C-alpha atoms as a PDB file:
ATOM      1  CA  MET A   1      95.677 170.400  69.759  1.00  0.00           C
ATOM      2  CA  CYS A   2      97.303 169.009  72.773  1.00  0.00           C
ATOM      3  CA  LEU A   3      95.821 169.830  76.121  1.00  0.00           C
ATOM      4  CA  ALA A   4      98.031 170.162  79.176  1.00  0.00           C
ATOM      5  CA  PRO A   5      96.928 168.222  82.222  1.00  0.00           C
ATOM      6  CA  THR A   6      95.075 170.298  84.725  1.00  0.00           C
ATOM      7  CA  ALA A   7      95.906 170.471  88.403  1.00  0.00           C
ATOM      8  CA  SER A   8      92.977 168.243  89.306  1.00  0.00           C
ATOM      9  CA  SER A   9      94.195 165.338  87.171  1.00  0.00           C
ATOM     10  CA  LYS A  10      97.523 165.060  89.014  1.00  0.00           C
ATOM     11  CA  PRO A  11      97.684 162.432  91.758  1.00  0.00           C
ATOM     12  CA  THR A  12      97.384 164.016  95.141  1.00  0.00           C
ATOM     13  CA  LYS A  13      98.999 162.872  98.335  1.00  0.00           C
ATOM     14  CA  SER A  14      96.367 161.219 100.432  1.00  0.00           C
ATOM     15  CA  GLY A  15      96.507 161.008 104.172  1.00  0.00           C
ATOM     16  CA  GLY A  16      99.102 163.501 105.179  1.00  0.00           C
ATOM     17  CA  GLY A  17     100.484 161.073 107.754  1.00  0.00           C
ATOM     18  CA  LYS A  18     104.093 160.458 108.595  1.00  0.00           C
ATOM     19  CA  GLN A  19     106.369 158.417 106.417  1.00  0.00           C
ATOM     20  CA  LYS A  20     106.918 154.802 107.412  1.00  0.00           C
ATOM     21  CA  LYS A  21     109.989 154.264 109.537  1.00  0.00           C
ATOM     22  CA  TRP A  22     111.928 151.142 108.670  1.00  0.00           C
ATOM     23  CA  SER A  23     113.037 148.957 111.515  1.00  0.00           C
ATOM     24  CA  LYS A  24     116.627 147.908 111.938  1.00  0.00           C
ATOM     25  CA  GLY A  25     117.411 144.737 110.028  1.00  0.00           C
ATOM     26  CA  ARG A  26     117.910 141.740 112.258  1.00  0.00           C
ATOM     27  CA  GLN A  27     120.660 139.364 111.262  1.00  0.00           C
ATOM     28  CA  LYS A  28     120.469 135.667 111.975  1.00  0.00           C
ATOM     29  CA  GLU A  29     123.259 134.544 114.238  1.00  0.00           C
ATOM     30  CA  LYS A  30     125.851 132.297 112.678  1.00  0.00           C
ATOM     31  CA  VAL A  31     125.751 128.722 113.944  1.00  0.00           C
ATOM     32  CA  ASN A  32     129.033 126.980 114.439  1.00  0.00           C
ATOM     33  CA  ASN A  33     128.107 123.352 113.836  1.00  0.00           C
ATOM     34  CA  THR A  34     130.832 120.732 113.723  1.00  0.00           C
ATOM     35  CA  VAL A  35     131.605 118.846 110.528  1.00  0.00           C
ATOM     36  CA  ILE A  36     133.182 115.792 112.154  1.00  0.00           C
ATOM     37  CA  PHE A  37     132.202 113.733 115.190  1.00  0.00           C
ATOM     38  CA  ASP A  38     134.196 113.970 118.373  1.00  0.00           C
ATOM     39  CA  GLN A  39     133.958 111.113 120.879  1.00  0.00           C
ATOM     40  CA  ASP A  40     131.408 112.798 123.174  1.00  0.00           C
ATOM     41  CA  THR A  41     129.040 113.650 120.329  1.00  0.00           C
ATOM     42  CA  TYR A  42     129.326 110.173 118.839  1.00  0.00           C
ATOM     43  CA  ASP A  43     128.544 108.558 122.213  1.00  0.00           C
ATOM     44  CA  LYS A  44     125.523 110.844 122.554  1.00  0.00           C
ATOM     45  CA  LEU A  45     124.447 109.842 119.039  1.00  0.00           C
ATOM     46  CA  LEU A  46     124.495 106.152 119.914  1.00  0.00           C
ATOM     47  CA  THR A  47     122.856 106.457 123.348  1.00  0.00           C
ATOM     48  CA  LYS A  48     120.382 109.360 123.328  1.00  0.00           C
ATOM     49  CA  VAL A  49     119.308 109.726 119.698  1.00  0.00           C
ATOM     50  CA  PRO A  50     117.649 106.272 119.396  1.00  0.00           C
ATOM     51  CA  LYS A  51     115.365 107.321 122.281  1.00  0.00           C
ATOM     52  CA  TYR A  52     114.020 110.411 120.479  1.00  0.00           C
ATOM     53  CA  LYS A  53     110.423 110.165 119.274  1.00  0.00           C
ATOM     54  CA  GLN A  54     111.084 112.059 116.054  1.00  0.00           C
ATOM     55  CA  ILE A  55     114.455 111.926 114.320  1.00  0.00           C
ATOM     56  CA  THR A  56     115.185 114.123 111.325  1.00  0.00           C
ATOM     57  CA  PRO A  57     118.419 115.655 110.040  1.00  0.00           C
ATOM     58  CA  SER A  58     117.302 119.047 111.325  1.00  0.00           C
ATOM     59  CA  VAL A  59     116.605 117.662 114.825  1.00  0.00           C
ATOM     60  CA  LEU A  60     120.057 116.071 114.974  1.00  0.00           C
ATOM     61  CA  SER A  61     121.674 119.229 113.654  1.00  0.00           C
ATOM     62  CA  GLU A  62     119.978 121.363 116.283  1.00  0.00           C
ATOM     63  CA  ARG A  63     120.460 119.099 119.304  1.00  0.00           C
ATOM     64  CA  LEU A  64     123.933 117.714 118.604  1.00  0.00           C
ATOM     65  CA  ARG A  65     125.308 120.871 116.931  1.00  0.00           C
ATOM     66  CA  ILE A  66     126.409 119.024 113.793  1.00  0.00           C
ATOM     67  CA  ASN A  67     125.915 120.129 110.194  1.00  0.00           C
ATOM     68  CA  GLY A  68     123.212 118.717 107.922  1.00  0.00           C
ATOM     69  CA  SER A  69     125.350 116.368 105.844  1.00  0.00           C
ATOM     70  CA  LEU A  70     126.837 114.816 108.988  1.00  0.00           C
ATOM     71  CA  ALA A  71     123.321 114.409 110.410  1.00  0.00           C
ATOM     72  CA  ARG A  72     122.187 112.540 107.273  1.00  0.00           C
ATOM     73  CA  ARG A  73     125.178 110.206 107.499  1.00  0.00           C
ATOM     74  CA  ALA A  74     124.505 109.629 111.202  1.00  0.00           C
ATOM     75  CA  ILE A  75     120.904 108.668 110.426  1.00  0.00           C
ATOM     76  CA  LYS A  76     122.104 106.253 107.763  1.00  0.00           C
ATOM     77  CA  ASP A  77     124.501 104.698 110.298  1.00  0.00           C
ATOM     78  CA  LEU A  78     121.753 104.322 112.920  1.00  0.00           C
ATOM     79  CA  MET A  79     119.474 102.717 110.311  1.00  0.00           C
ATOM     80  CA  GLU A  80     122.154 100.151 109.427  1.00  0.00           C
ATOM     81  CA  ARG A  81     122.579  99.318 113.118  1.00  0.00           C
ATOM     82  CA  GLY A  82     118.820  98.842 113.480  1.00  0.00           C
ATOM     83  CA  LEU A  83     118.475 101.489 116.193  1.00  0.00           C
ATOM     84  CA  ILE A  84     115.931 103.625 114.301  1.00  0.00           C
ATOM     85  CA  ARG A  85     113.303 102.976 111.644  1.00  0.00           C
ATOM     86  CA  MET A  86     111.902 105.042 108.808  1.00  0.00           C
ATOM     87  CA  VAL A  87     108.461 106.594 109.146  1.00  0.00           C
ATOM     88  CA  SER A  88     108.245 108.724 106.009  1.00  0.00           C
ATOM     89  CA  ILE A  89     110.524 109.832 103.209  1.00  0.00           C
ATOM     90  CA  GLN A  90     109.889 112.488 100.603  1.00  0.00           C
ATOM     91  CA  SER A  91     112.153 114.295  98.210  1.00  0.00           C
ATOM     92  CA  SER A  92     113.431 116.778 100.753  1.00  0.00           C
ATOM     93  CA  GLN A  93     112.405 115.481 104.191  1.00  0.00           C
ATOM     94  CA  GLN A  94     113.152 112.194 105.916  1.00  0.00           C
ATOM     95  CA  ILE A  95     111.415 111.278 109.176  1.00  0.00           C
ATOM     96  CA  PHE A  96     112.563 108.466 111.434  1.00  0.00           C
ATOM     97  CA  THR A  97     111.622 107.213 114.880  1.00  0.00           C
ATOM     98  CA  ARG A  98     113.031 104.887 117.474  1.00  0.00           C
ATOM     99  CA  ALA A  99     113.010 101.221 116.579  1.00  0.00           C
ATOM    100  CA  THR A 100     110.545  99.421 118.788  1.00  0.00           C
ATOM    101  CA  ASN A 101     109.951  95.733 118.816  1.00  0.00           C
ATOM    102  CA  THR A 102     106.483  95.787 117.289  1.00  0.00           C
ATOM    103  CA  ALA A 103     106.238  91.995 117.123  1.00  0.00           C
ATOM    104  CA  THR A 104     106.285  91.652 120.913  1.00  0.00           C
ATOM    105  CA  SER A 105     103.758  94.441 121.384  1.00  0.00           C
ATOM    106  CA  HIS A 106     101.301  92.577 119.117  1.00  0.00           C
ATOM    107  CA  VAL A 107     101.909  89.385 121.090  1.00  0.00           C
ATOM    108  CA  ASN A 108     101.188  91.166 124.366  1.00  0.00           C
ATOM    109  CA  ILE A 109      97.937  92.574 122.990  1.00  0.00           C
ATOM    110  CA  GLN A 110      96.840  89.161 121.748  1.00  0.00           C
ATOM    111  CA  LEU A 111      97.638  87.559 125.105  1.00  0.00           C
ATOM    112  CA  TYR A 112      95.625  90.257 126.841  1.00  0.00           C
ATOM    113  CA  PHE A 113      92.569  89.415 124.760  1.00  0.00           C
ATOM    114  CA  ILE A 114      93.026  85.689 125.299  1.00  0.00           C
ATOM    115  CA  VAL A 115      93.105  86.055 129.101  1.00  0.00           C
ATOM    116  CA  GLU A 116      89.800  87.872 129.217  1.00  0.00           C
END
């Protein structure tokens, strides 16, 4: 014999509150980054970027309004010129910083200790 489920075995609606209202979907605004350097952006790349403390492709893309592949090529160009140096590289993230003359800073520290 097969028994029919009774009313008490059915799942009941708990709460009795209102249904959840879904918020309007927000869309990310489309960025219009350039894919080739114009003269102003290239001059800014050579003058201002080597003074940044942290240089990554995403930083260049955001500040100079260039796309990611152009930012990676710009970093490679600055590395070849000796204007920036590598701090860390992983599979997906490259971090660079401004190239400082570390040899002279060590000399200044050693001279400071010699004077005292």
